[in-house]
Amino acid sequence: MKITHVKAISILKQYDKKETGWENPADFGKHKTAKVKVAFPNRSGKKVIYVDASKTGKSVVGPTEWQGVIVTKASLSIPFTIDTEMVYKSGLNDIGHNNSAEFIAIVDALRLYEHYEWDTVYSDSKTAVSWVVKKKTNIDPSIRSRFSPDFLSRLEEAEDWLKTI
């Protein structure tokens, strides 16, 4: 099934730890163990993907990476653990911005919809979610001009793809 923008918006959710009690399973460095307060969010058998991005260094712009993971198993007994399966992961090469990388991570998950037919795509970036809804990023030109050519190309490709749905 081909995804439409209406469908993309309907399945895209901002991840809220307060709602689920879980850390975002896609968080870099955190997806091996998570603290659990409530039931495992994918317990219903629905297809859910969690996306996250990371930028290294103290500067606004730096090496970035992003990934999408699905939860395959969760232990609700102590110690609370979850098992995840990596669906995709970028390399830590491109110079970019955290919200921009999160935007790319969301679009990558939406592009895979035809194969997986996700029920939900979770992102913890309110900014990136709003950009997907608008089909366009809103990055300060002075920041955007510091992106590496490869990262900028991926970002523009993601924006262009959203315009086709």
Protein backbone atom coordinates (compact mmCIF):
# COMPACT_ATOMS: atom_id res chain seq x y z
CA MET A 1 0.00 0.00 0.00
CA LYS A 2 1.38 3.41 -0.99
CA ILE A 3 1.44 5.96 1.80
CA THR A 4 -0.34 9.30 1.49
CA HIS A 5 0.38 12.46 3.45
CA VAL A 6 -2.91 12.04 5.33
CA LYS A 7 -1.90 8.49 6.32
CA ALA A 8 1.61 9.63 7.23
CA ILE A 9 0.23 12.31 9.55
CA SER A 10 -2.26 9.89 11.08
CA ILE A 11 0.42 7.34 12.03
CA LEU A 12 3.10 9.85 13.12
CA LYS A 13 3.11 10.45 16.87
CA GLN A 14 5.34 12.45 19.11
CA TYR A 15 6.84 10.02 21.60
CA ASP A 16 5.85 10.97 25.13
CA LYS A 17 7.71 9.19 27.93
CA LYS A 18 5.07 10.37 30.42
CA GLU A 19 2.39 8.56 28.43
CA THR A 20 4.20 5.24 28.11
CA GLY A 21 6.67 5.23 30.97
CA TRP A 22 9.41 4.06 28.57
CA GLU A 23 12.48 5.77 27.35
CA ASN A 24 12.31 5.96 23.56
CA PRO A 25 13.75 2.56 22.52
CA ALA A 26 15.55 4.23 19.62
CA ASP A 27 17.48 6.60 21.90
CA PHE A 28 21.17 6.22 21.25
CA GLY A 29 22.84 4.38 24.10
CA LYS A 30 19.56 3.67 25.88
CA HIS A 31 17.83 1.05 23.77
CA LYS A 32 19.33 -1.95 25.57
CA THR A 33 17.62 -1.27 28.91
CA ALA A 34 14.69 0.96 29.74
CA LYS A 35 12.75 1.88 32.86
CA VAL A 36 9.16 0.69 32.69
CA LYS A 37 6.19 2.21 34.45
CA VAL A 38 3.37 0.95 32.28
CA ALA A 39 2.74 -1.82 29.79
CA PHE A 40 4.99 -2.31 26.80
CA PRO A 41 3.62 0.02 24.11
CA ASN A 42 3.72 -2.54 21.31
CA ARG A 43 1.93 -5.21 23.34
CA SER A 44 -1.13 -5.11 21.10
CA GLY A 45 0.83 -6.64 18.24
CA LYS A 46 0.66 -3.45 16.21
CA LYS A 47 3.61 -2.54 14.02
CA VAL A 48 5.40 0.33 15.71
CA ILE A 49 8.73 1.94 14.83
CA TYR A 50 10.65 4.33 17.05
CA VAL A 51 13.06 6.79 15.45
CA ASP A 52 15.75 8.95 16.95
CA ALA A 53 18.72 11.06 15.95
CA SER A 54 21.91 12.19 17.61
CA LYS A 55 24.42 14.95 17.00
CA THR A 56 27.90 14.69 18.47
CA GLY A 57 29.70 17.64 20.02
CA LYS A 58 28.73 20.92 21.66
CA SER A 59 28.26 22.92 18.47
CA VAL A 60 24.78 23.34 16.98
CA VAL A 61 26.08 21.54 13.89
CA GLY A 62 28.20 18.40 14.01
CA PRO A 63 28.42 14.72 13.09
CA THR A 64 24.93 13.23 13.10
CA GLU A 65 23.32 9.83 12.90
CA TRP A 66 19.79 8.50 13.01
CA GLN A 67 18.04 5.18 13.31
CA GLY A 68 14.72 3.39 13.40
CA VAL A 69 14.08 0.40 15.65
CA ILE A 70 11.17 -1.88 16.41
CA VAL A 71 10.61 -3.48 19.80
CA THR A 72 10.62 -7.25 19.41
CA LYS A 73 10.37 -8.33 23.03
CA ALA A 74 10.02 -6.73 26.46
CA SER A 75 10.54 -8.03 29.95
CA LEU A 76 8.22 -6.49 32.50
CA SER A 77 10.01 -8.20 35.37
CA ILE A 78 13.11 -6.86 37.07
CA PRO A 79 15.45 -5.99 35.46
CA PHE A 80 13.26 -4.21 32.93
CA THR A 81 14.72 -4.84 29.50
CA ILE A 82 13.64 -4.61 25.92
CA ASP A 83 14.97 -6.21 22.78
CA THR A 84 14.96 -4.17 19.62
CA GLU A 85 15.56 -4.89 15.98
CA MET A 86 17.38 -2.28 13.95
CA VAL A 87 15.37 -1.43 10.83
CA TYR A 88 17.81 1.18 9.56
CA LYS A 89 20.74 3.21 10.83
CA SER A 90 22.77 5.92 9.19
CA GLY A 91 26.49 6.22 9.61
CA LEU A 92 28.07 8.88 11.82
CA ASN A 93 29.59 10.82 8.96
CA ASP A 94 27.51 13.74 7.87
CA ILE A 95 27.70 17.18 9.43
CA GLY A 96 24.17 18.24 10.28
CA HIS A 97 21.76 19.28 13.01
CA ASN A 98 19.85 17.10 15.47
CA ASN A 99 16.30 18.17 14.47
CA SER A 100 17.20 17.84 10.79
CA ALA A 101 18.51 14.31 11.34
CA GLU A 102 15.34 13.45 13.28
CA PHE A 103 13.31 14.73 10.32
CA ILE A 104 15.27 12.44 7.98
CA ALA A 105 14.73 9.52 10.38
CA ILE A 106 10.95 10.06 10.30
CA VAL A 107 10.89 10.31 6.51
CA ASP A 108 12.99 7.13 6.24
CA ALA A 109 10.38 5.32 8.37
CA LEU A 110 7.54 6.68 6.22
CA ARG A 111 9.35 5.61 3.05
CA LEU A 112 9.43 2.06 4.41
CA TYR A 113 5.66 2.09 4.99
CA GLU A 114 4.93 0.12 1.81
CA HIS A 115 7.07 -2.74 3.11
CA TYR A 116 6.15 -2.70 6.82
CA GLU A 117 2.78 -0.87 6.98
CA TRP A 118 3.50 0.65 10.40
CA ASP A 119 0.57 1.40 12.67
CA THR A 120 2.63 4.11 14.38
CA VAL A 121 5.88 5.98 13.84
CA TYR A 122 7.17 7.49 17.09
CA SER A 123 9.60 10.40 17.26
CA ASP A 124 10.55 12.39 20.35
CA SER A 125 11.21 15.54 18.31
CA LYS A 126 8.26 17.92 18.33
CA THR A 127 10.11 20.11 15.82
CA ALA A 128 10.76 17.31 13.33
CA VAL A 129 7.17 16.06 13.61
CA SER A 130 5.89 19.56 12.82
CA TRP A 131 8.22 19.76 9.80
CA VAL A 132 6.84 16.48 8.43
CA VAL A 133 3.30 17.77 8.83
CA LYS A 134 4.31 20.92 6.89
CA LYS A 135 6.39 18.86 4.39
CA LYS A 136 9.27 21.33 4.85
CA THR A 137 11.97 22.06 7.37
CA ASN A 138 12.41 25.50 8.88
CA ILE A 139 16.15 25.69 9.46
CA ASP A 140 17.96 28.97 9.86
CA PRO A 141 19.99 29.55 6.66
CA SER A 142 23.13 30.30 8.71
CA ILE A 143 22.87 26.80 10.23
CA ARG A 144 21.82 25.07 7.01
CA SER A 145 24.85 26.53 5.20
CA ARG A 146 27.13 24.62 7.61
CA PHE A 147 25.72 21.18 6.70
CA SER A 148 27.93 18.82 4.73
CA PRO A 149 26.91 18.38 1.07
CA ASP A 150 25.86 14.75 1.71
CA PHE A 151 23.70 15.67 4.69
CA LEU A 152 22.11 18.59 2.85
CA SER A 153 21.38 16.29 -0.08
CA ARG A 154 19.65 13.75 2.22
CA LEU A 155 17.63 16.53 3.84
CA GLU A 156 16.50 17.98 0.50
CA GLU A 157 15.70 14.49 -0.78
CA ALA A 158 13.50 13.89 2.29
CA GLU A 159 11.67 17.20 1.75
CA ASP A 160 11.18 16.41 -1.95
CA TRP A 161 9.83 12.92 -1.16
CA LEU A 162 7.27 14.35 1.27
CA LYS A 163 5.98 16.61 -1.50
CA THR A 164 5.14 13.50 -3.55
CA ILE A 165 2.77 11.98 -1.00
